[in-house]
């Protein structure tokens, strides 16, 4: 496996990377990849209604369908945010990010 460093959104070997985001809203898990341009143009997918986190294989298939693949060694990083900041009894919002690149090797 090649050791590839990521600096400021670019792989050292010149490939552009993005951060795919997964979050839960309105009873659905949603996945999107911010890319240059209007937010309305960002690749996105809303999973079927369910409370369980979509399995890793399903997330991977969706990313592939949106035209992205994981970078070498990429893993989902999970984040917990309190619905009410500073309140340790507040419900938690769970989200995740993973580093991806365009499947075709293209730029933005």
C-alpha atoms as a PDB file:
ATOM      1  CA  UNK A   1       0.000   0.000   0.000  1.00  0.00           C
ATOM      2  CA  UNK A   2       1.304   3.477  -0.873  1.00  0.00           C
ATOM      3  CA  UNK A   3       1.671   5.982   1.950  1.00  0.00           C
ATOM      4  CA  UNK A   4      -0.356   9.032   0.885  1.00  0.00           C
ATOM      5  CA  UNK A   5      -0.495  12.152   3.036  1.00  0.00           C
ATOM      6  CA  UNK A   6      -3.455  14.505   2.872  1.00  0.00           C
ATOM      7  CA  UNK A   7      -2.850  18.226   3.264  1.00  0.00           C
ATOM      8  CA  UNK A   8      -5.549  20.900   3.007  1.00  0.00           C
ATOM      9  CA  UNK A   9      -7.923  18.797   0.943  1.00  0.00           C
ATOM     10  CA  UNK A  10      -5.308  17.586  -1.543  1.00  0.00           C
ATOM     11  CA  UNK A  11      -3.357  14.404  -1.598  1.00  0.00           C
ATOM     12  CA  UNK A  12       0.373  15.010  -1.798  1.00  0.00           C
ATOM     13  CA  UNK A  13       0.440  13.071  -5.081  1.00  0.00           C
ATOM     14  CA  UNK A  14      -1.910  15.688  -6.593  1.00  0.00           C
ATOM     15  CA  UNK A  15      -5.280  13.940  -6.271  1.00  0.00           C
ATOM     16  CA  UNK A  16      -8.145  16.019  -4.897  1.00  0.00           C
ATOM     17  CA  UNK A  17      -9.938  14.677  -1.838  1.00  0.00           C
ATOM     18  CA  UNK A  18     -13.316  15.500  -0.327  1.00  0.00           C
ATOM     19  CA  UNK A  19     -15.009  14.699   2.977  1.00  0.00           C
ATOM     20  CA  UNK A  20     -18.241  12.745   2.674  1.00  0.00           C
ATOM     21  CA  UNK A  21     -20.691  13.521   5.494  1.00  0.00           C
ATOM     22  CA  UNK A  22     -23.343  11.234   6.992  1.00  0.00           C
ATOM     23  CA  UNK A  23     -25.989  12.625   9.350  1.00  0.00           C
ATOM     24  CA  UNK A  24     -29.475  11.843  10.670  1.00  0.00           C
ATOM     25  CA  UNK A  25     -32.309  14.287   9.978  1.00  0.00           C
ATOM     26  CA  UNK A  26     -36.088  14.009   9.861  1.00  0.00           C
ATOM     27  CA  UNK A  27     -36.029  10.244  10.422  1.00  0.00           C
ATOM     28  CA  UNK A  28     -33.520   9.496   7.649  1.00  0.00           C
ATOM     29  CA  UNK A  29     -29.795   9.100   7.297  1.00  0.00           C
ATOM     30  CA  UNK A  30     -28.391  11.430   4.644  1.00  0.00           C
ATOM     31  CA  UNK A  31     -25.027  11.355   2.902  1.00  0.00           C
ATOM     32  CA  UNK A  32     -23.507  14.246   0.942  1.00  0.00           C
ATOM     33  CA  UNK A  33     -20.149  15.286  -0.493  1.00  0.00           C
ATOM     34  CA  UNK A  34     -19.363  19.024  -0.520  1.00  0.00           C
ATOM     35  CA  UNK A  35     -17.743  19.991  -3.830  1.00  0.00           C
ATOM     36  CA  UNK A  36     -16.993  23.390  -5.373  1.00  0.00           C
ATOM     37  CA  UNK A  37     -20.122  25.129  -6.597  1.00  0.00           C
ATOM     38  CA  UNK A  38     -23.636  25.700  -5.256  1.00  0.00           C
ATOM     39  CA  UNK A  39     -24.861  23.512  -2.394  1.00  0.00           C
ATOM     40  CA  UNK A  40     -27.736  22.434  -4.628  1.00  0.00           C
ATOM     41  CA  UNK A  41     -25.155  20.733  -6.890  1.00  0.00           C
ATOM     42  CA  UNK A  42     -23.532  18.674  -4.117  1.00  0.00           C
ATOM     43  CA  UNK A  43     -23.879  14.913  -4.646  1.00  0.00           C
ATOM     44  CA  UNK A  44     -26.299  13.609  -2.002  1.00  0.00           C
ATOM     45  CA  UNK A  45     -28.408  10.612  -1.053  1.00  0.00           C
ATOM     46  CA  UNK A  46     -31.208  10.125   1.494  1.00  0.00           C
ATOM     47  CA  UNK A  47     -31.486   6.572   2.785  1.00  0.00           C
ATOM     48  CA  UNK A  48     -34.898   4.959   3.386  1.00  0.00           C
ATOM     49  CA  UNK A  49     -36.525   5.853   6.714  1.00  0.00           C
ATOM     50  CA  UNK A  50     -34.935   3.936   9.575  1.00  0.00           C
ATOM     51  CA  UNK A  51     -33.225   4.694  12.841  1.00  0.00           C
ATOM     52  CA  UNK A  52     -30.310   2.279  12.482  1.00  0.00           C
ATOM     53  CA  UNK A  53     -27.103   3.569  10.909  1.00  0.00           C
ATOM     54  CA  UNK A  54     -26.823   2.328   7.302  1.00  0.00           C
ATOM     55  CA  UNK A  55     -24.271  -0.522   7.124  1.00  0.00           C
ATOM     56  CA  UNK A  56     -20.773   0.294   5.851  1.00  0.00           C
ATOM     57  CA  UNK A  57     -21.402  -1.658   2.629  1.00  0.00           C
ATOM     58  CA  UNK A  58     -24.553   0.392   1.902  1.00  0.00           C
ATOM     59  CA  UNK A  59     -22.678   3.654   2.517  1.00  0.00           C
ATOM     60  CA  UNK A  60     -19.901   2.487   0.194  1.00  0.00           C
ATOM     61  CA  UNK A  61     -22.393   1.571  -2.561  1.00  0.00           C
ATOM     62  CA  UNK A  62     -24.059   4.976  -2.279  1.00  0.00           C
ATOM     63  CA  UNK A  63     -20.717   6.782  -2.474  1.00  0.00           C
ATOM     64  CA  UNK A  64     -19.799   4.710  -5.542  1.00  0.00           C
ATOM     65  CA  UNK A  65     -23.153   5.588  -7.105  1.00  0.00           C
ATOM     66  CA  UNK A  66     -22.412   9.275  -6.472  1.00  0.00           C
ATOM     67  CA  UNK A  67     -19.070   8.859  -8.258  1.00  0.00           C
ATOM     68  CA  UNK A  68     -16.722   8.638  -5.252  1.00  0.00           C
ATOM     69  CA  UNK A  69     -14.451   6.031  -3.669  1.00  0.00           C
ATOM     70  CA  UNK A  70     -12.672   5.868  -0.333  1.00  0.00           C
ATOM     71  CA  UNK A  71      -9.064   7.024  -0.240  1.00  0.00           C
ATOM     72  CA  UNK A  72      -6.515   4.394   0.820  1.00  0.00           C
ATOM     73  CA  UNK A  73      -6.942   3.601   4.510  1.00  0.00           C
ATOM     74  CA  UNK A  74      -9.972   5.885   4.944  1.00  0.00           C
ATOM     75  CA  UNK A  75     -12.227   5.132   7.908  1.00  0.00           C
ATOM     76  CA  UNK A  76     -15.447   6.727   9.071  1.00  0.00           C
ATOM     77  CA  UNK A  77     -14.875   9.172  11.962  1.00  0.00           C
ATOM     78  CA  UNK A  78     -17.955   9.417  14.188  1.00  0.00           C
ATOM     79  CA  UNK A  79     -18.933  12.629  15.957  1.00  0.00           C
ATOM     80  CA  UNK A  80     -21.381  13.139  18.830  1.00  0.00           C
ATOM     81  CA  UNK A  81     -22.920  16.594  19.273  1.00  0.00           C
ATOM     82  CA  UNK A  82     -25.367  17.548  21.993  1.00  0.00           C
ATOM     83  CA  UNK A  83     -28.688  18.798  20.678  1.00  0.00           C
ATOM     84  CA  UNK A  84     -28.480  21.444  23.418  1.00  0.00           C
ATOM     85  CA  UNK A  85     -24.817  22.527  23.777  1.00  0.00           C
ATOM     86  CA  UNK A  86     -23.518  22.319  27.342  1.00  0.00           C
ATOM     87  CA  UNK A  87     -26.421  20.140  28.556  1.00  0.00           C
ATOM     88  CA  UNK A  88     -25.087  16.674  29.425  1.00  0.00           C
ATOM     89  CA  UNK A  89     -28.667  15.334  29.514  1.00  0.00           C
ATOM     90  CA  UNK A  90     -29.409  16.551  25.985  1.00  0.00           C
ATOM     91  CA  UNK A  91     -30.082  14.007  23.234  1.00  0.00           C
ATOM     92  CA  UNK A  92     -27.031  13.324  21.086  1.00  0.00           C
ATOM     93  CA  UNK A  93     -26.823  13.927  17.342  1.00  0.00           C
ATOM     94  CA  UNK A  94     -24.573  11.385  15.656  1.00  0.00           C
ATOM     95  CA  UNK A  95     -22.774  12.160  12.403  1.00  0.00           C
ATOM     96  CA  UNK A  96     -19.734  10.854  10.543  1.00  0.00           C
ATOM     97  CA  UNK A  97     -17.181  11.886   7.932  1.00  0.00           C
ATOM     98  CA  UNK A  98     -14.813   9.954   5.676  1.00  0.00           C
ATOM     99  CA  UNK A  99     -12.205  11.070   3.134  1.00  0.00           C
ATOM    100  CA  UNK A 100     -13.101  10.209  -0.471  1.00  0.00           C
ATOM    101  CA  UNK A 101     -11.976  11.044  -3.993  1.00  0.00           C
ATOM    102  CA  UNK A 102     -13.713  11.040  -7.346  1.00  0.00           C
ATOM    103  CA  UNK A 103     -13.856   7.540  -8.800  1.00  0.00           C
ATOM    104  CA  UNK A 104     -12.740   8.845 -12.192  1.00  0.00           C
ATOM    105  CA  UNK A 105      -9.700  10.534 -10.628  1.00  0.00           C
ATOM    106  CA  UNK A 106     -10.997  13.949 -11.689  1.00  0.00           C
ATOM    107  CA  UNK A 107     -10.577  17.198  -9.801  1.00  0.00           C
ATOM    108  CA  UNK A 108     -13.456  18.945  -8.075  1.00  0.00           C
END
